Protein backbone atom coordinates (compact mmCIF):
# COMPACT_ATOMS: atom_id res chain seq x y z
CA MET A 1 29.86 39.39 6.31
CA SER A 2 29.23 35.88 4.87
CA VAL A 3 32.46 34.04 3.09
CA ILE A 4 30.13 33.87 0.14
CA ARG A 5 29.60 37.42 -0.03
CA LEU A 6 33.27 38.27 0.33
CA PHE A 7 34.07 35.94 -2.42
CA VAL A 8 31.49 37.78 -4.85
CA ILE A 9 33.02 40.82 -3.57
CA LYS A 10 36.52 40.22 -4.31
CA LYS A 11 35.38 38.17 -7.76
CA MET A 12 33.88 41.34 -8.67
CA LEU A 13 36.92 43.66 -7.48
CA ARG A 14 39.69 41.33 -9.70
CA ARG A 15 36.92 42.01 -12.68
CA PHE A 16 37.42 45.67 -12.31
CA LYS A 17 40.98 45.30 -11.67
CA ASN A 18 41.35 43.61 -14.88
CA ASN A 19 39.85 45.73 -16.94
CA ALA A 20 40.99 48.77 -15.34
CA ASP A 21 42.47 51.47 -17.56
CA TYR A 22 44.80 53.38 -14.55
CA HIS A 23 45.86 56.43 -17.13
CA ASN A 24 42.37 57.29 -17.49
CA ILE A 25 41.06 58.66 -14.18
CA GLU A 26 37.30 59.89 -14.91
CA ARG A 27 36.82 55.87 -15.72
CA ALA A 28 38.28 54.44 -12.75
CA ARG A 29 36.16 57.01 -10.88
CA ARG A 30 33.29 56.07 -12.59
CA GLY A 31 34.06 52.26 -12.37
CA PHE A 32 34.55 52.34 -8.59
CA GLU A 33 31.56 54.25 -8.08
CA LYS A 34 29.34 51.40 -9.93
CA ILE A 35 31.09 48.58 -8.72
CA VAL A 36 30.67 49.58 -5.02
CA SER A 37 27.32 51.60 -5.03
CA ARG A 38 24.79 48.81 -4.80
CA PHE A 39 26.75 48.35 -1.08
CA ASN A 40 26.45 51.83 0.31
CA THR A 41 22.87 52.77 0.41
CA HIS A 42 21.83 54.25 3.37
CA LEU A 43 21.47 51.74 6.37
CA LYS A 44 18.63 51.45 8.54
CA GLY A 45 19.00 52.82 11.90
CA PHE A 46 21.40 55.79 10.64
CA THR A 47 20.79 59.28 10.33
CA TYR A 48 22.78 60.93 7.10
CA THR A 49 23.22 64.70 6.92
CA GLN A 50 25.13 65.92 4.09
CA PHE A 51 26.11 69.86 4.39
CA GLU A 52 29.69 71.85 3.59
CA ILE A 53 32.80 72.68 5.07
CA GLY A 54 34.59 75.25 3.33
CA GLY A 55 32.94 74.44 -0.15
CA ARG A 56 33.83 70.97 0.56
CA LYS A 57 30.77 68.52 0.63
CA CYS A 58 30.68 66.51 4.12
CA GLU A 59 28.46 64.10 5.68
CA TRP A 60 27.22 63.27 9.07
CA ILE A 61 26.70 59.33 10.00
CA ILE A 62 24.92 58.84 13.23
CA PRO A 63 23.31 55.64 14.44
CA ALA A 64 20.67 55.67 16.55
CA GLY A 65 21.13 56.23 20.34
CA THR A 66 24.68 56.69 19.62
CA ASN A 67 27.20 59.13 21.80
CA GLU A 68 27.09 62.46 19.51
CA LYS A 69 29.95 63.83 21.89
CA LYS A 70 32.50 61.69 20.03
CA VAL A 71 33.51 61.83 16.14
CA LEU A 72 35.28 59.56 14.17
CA LEU A 73 36.51 61.71 10.94
CA TYR A 74 36.90 59.81 8.50
CA PHE A 75 39.35 59.99 5.13
CA HIS A 76 38.12 57.11 2.28
CA GLY A 77 40.71 55.65 0.37
CA GLY A 78 40.92 55.33 -3.75
CA GLY A 79 44.65 56.14 -4.46
CA TYR A 80 44.17 59.95 -3.67
CA ALA A 81 42.48 60.20 -7.28
CA THR A 82 39.39 58.19 -6.67
CA GLY A 83 36.59 57.11 -4.26
CA SER A 84 33.99 59.41 -2.33
CA ILE A 85 31.78 59.57 0.36
CA ASN A 86 29.16 57.14 -1.54
CA THR A 87 31.81 54.85 -1.83
CA HIS A 88 32.49 54.40 2.12
CA ARG A 89 29.31 55.40 3.55
CA ALA A 90 28.56 51.71 4.43
CA LEU A 91 31.92 50.90 5.95
CA VAL A 92 32.16 53.73 7.98
CA SER A 93 28.31 53.37 9.24
CA LYS A 94 29.11 50.09 10.67
CA ILE A 95 32.57 51.18 12.10
CA VAL A 96 30.68 53.77 14.31
CA GLU A 97 27.46 51.47 14.72
CA TYR A 98 30.53 49.13 16.82
CA ALA A 99 32.20 52.34 18.31
CA GLY A 100 28.87 53.93 19.41
CA ILE A 101 30.17 57.13 18.36
CA LYS A 102 29.16 59.46 14.99
CA ALA A 103 31.17 60.33 12.23
CA LEU A 104 31.89 62.69 9.79
CA MET A 105 32.99 62.16 6.43
CA ILE A 106 34.49 64.44 3.72
CA GLN A 107 34.54 64.81 -0.15
CA TYR A 108 38.26 65.99 0.00
CA ARG A 109 40.09 67.03 -3.43
CA LEU A 110 41.17 64.22 -5.81
CA ALA A 111 44.23 63.65 -7.68
CA PRO A 112 45.42 64.89 -10.74
CA GLU A 113 43.56 67.80 -10.47
CA ASN A 114 44.38 68.87 -7.00
CA LYS A 115 48.09 67.60 -5.84
CA TYR A 116 49.39 67.37 -2.78
CA PRO A 117 48.78 68.86 0.12
CA ALA A 118 45.35 69.65 -1.19
CA ALA A 119 43.75 66.57 0.39
CA ILE A 120 46.06 67.00 3.60
CA GLU A 121 44.78 70.81 3.60
CA ASP A 122 40.70 69.59 3.44
CA ALA A 123 41.29 67.16 5.83
CA ALA A 124 43.20 69.68 8.29
CA ALA A 125 40.41 72.24 7.73
CA SER A 126 37.75 69.63 8.64
CA TYR A 127 39.26 68.82 11.80
CA GLN A 128 39.77 72.58 12.45
CA TRP A 129 35.96 72.74 11.98
CA LEU A 130 35.37 70.34 14.71
CA LEU A 131 37.24 72.35 17.35
CA GLN A 132 35.83 75.48 16.24
CA ASN A 133 32.11 73.95 16.31
CA GLY A 134 31.99 72.45 19.87
CA TYR A 135 34.54 69.55 19.98
CA THR A 136 37.74 69.10 22.02
CA ASN A 137 40.43 67.22 20.18
CA LEU A 138 40.23 64.77 22.79
CA GLN A 139 36.47 64.12 21.40
CA ILE A 140 37.86 63.25 17.93
CA ALA A 141 39.20 60.05 16.18
CA PHE A 142 40.90 60.08 12.96
CA GLY A 143 40.35 56.86 10.47
CA GLY A 144 41.01 55.80 6.93
CA ASP A 145 41.40 53.15 4.48
CA SER A 146 44.13 52.61 1.65
CA ALA A 147 45.07 56.41 0.54
CA GLY A 148 42.64 57.97 3.19
CA GLY A 149 44.95 55.74 5.87
CA GLY A 150 48.17 57.60 4.50
CA MET A 151 45.74 60.95 4.48
CA ALA A 152 44.77 60.01 8.17
CA LEU A 153 48.89 59.98 9.55
CA GLY A 154 50.17 62.80 7.01
CA THR A 155 47.24 65.01 8.23
CA LEU A 156 48.48 63.99 12.00
CA LEU A 157 52.13 65.42 10.66
CA TYR A 158 50.52 68.57 9.44
CA LEU A 159 48.68 69.20 12.55
CA ARG A 160 51.82 68.86 14.64
CA ASP A 161 53.66 70.95 12.62
CA LYS A 162 51.53 73.67 12.55
CA ASN A 163 51.07 73.25 16.69
CA ILE A 164 47.17 72.33 16.70
CA PRO A 165 46.31 69.88 19.27
CA LEU A 166 46.42 65.81 17.87
CA PRO A 167 43.07 63.83 18.03
CA LYS A 168 42.23 61.50 20.59
CA CYS A 169 43.85 58.52 18.19
CA THR A 170 43.77 57.36 14.70
CA PHE A 171 43.47 54.17 12.95
CA ALA A 172 44.66 53.23 9.67
CA LEU A 173 43.26 50.21 7.42
CA SER A 174 45.87 49.04 5.02
CA PRO A 175 47.18 52.26 4.77
CA TRP A 176 49.11 53.60 1.56
CA LEU A 177 52.37 54.97 3.37
CA ASP A 178 55.35 54.60 1.05
CA HIS A 179 55.65 56.23 -1.81
CA THR A 180 58.85 55.15 -2.63
CA PHE A 181 57.75 51.77 -3.45
CA SER A 182 60.59 50.79 -1.22
CA GLY A 183 59.19 47.13 -0.58
CA ASP A 184 58.27 44.25 -2.97
CA SER A 185 54.73 43.93 -1.71
CA HIS A 186 53.00 45.84 -4.27
CA LYS A 187 55.09 43.32 -6.94
CA THR A 188 54.85 39.75 -5.06
CA LYS A 189 51.28 40.20 -4.13
CA HIS A 190 49.76 41.60 -7.14
CA GLU A 191 47.89 38.20 -8.34
CA GLU A 192 46.72 37.86 -4.70
CA ASP A 193 45.25 41.59 -4.18
CA PRO A 194 41.74 41.60 -5.61
CA MET A 195 41.87 45.45 -6.52
CA LEU A 196 45.54 47.00 -6.70
CA VAL A 197 47.70 46.98 -10.12
CA ALA A 198 50.98 47.01 -9.18
CA VAL A 199 52.52 49.16 -12.36
CA ALA A 200 49.32 51.52 -11.73
CA MET A 201 50.80 52.92 -8.34
CA PRO A 202 54.23 54.76 -9.41
CA ILE A 203 51.89 56.82 -11.92
CA TRP A 204 49.21 57.18 -8.99
CA SER A 205 51.76 58.37 -6.70
CA LYS A 206 52.94 60.83 -9.70
CA ASN A 207 49.96 61.97 -9.80
CA TYR A 208 48.97 62.98 -6.21
């Protein structure tokens, strides 16, 4: 990504952040979808197939010529309350293109309508679906960003506690892990961060 494009994206995110009504979840969802939609069209050289697992919308993302025996199960970010397959399609496409594998993204249930552990249960169900449909745990990786990174690690604990075999590996991009806000960075980095609103985080954590 070019420096100019990155600057434009950060500028757009800051405008979204400054106008955000973090009490209005529906508005936040619409705003997030709108601001990133131009970057998340279907990319050339990929196959995208939507289907459902347990009533939840899912999407296969398959780069041309990839190793389809290995799967990245990816959980999108969005504060557990926003985001979708649409908001993260391009990011996940590029990750699996470089990795030479395919991805499965899920539309997990969002807060505050569906509180913890709904999202974790959806993540675990999609993982178990893979195990029941021809994949071993060693052919599956977890990944996620922000709240999705927190989901990836939370799902590992959920699976461990139920004695379900864990995936081969996991990566988390800027994961939201601390719901106690024991550190000061969410306050001291407020102006530097292009997207997150410090005073909103405890509210969204409570929603989750």
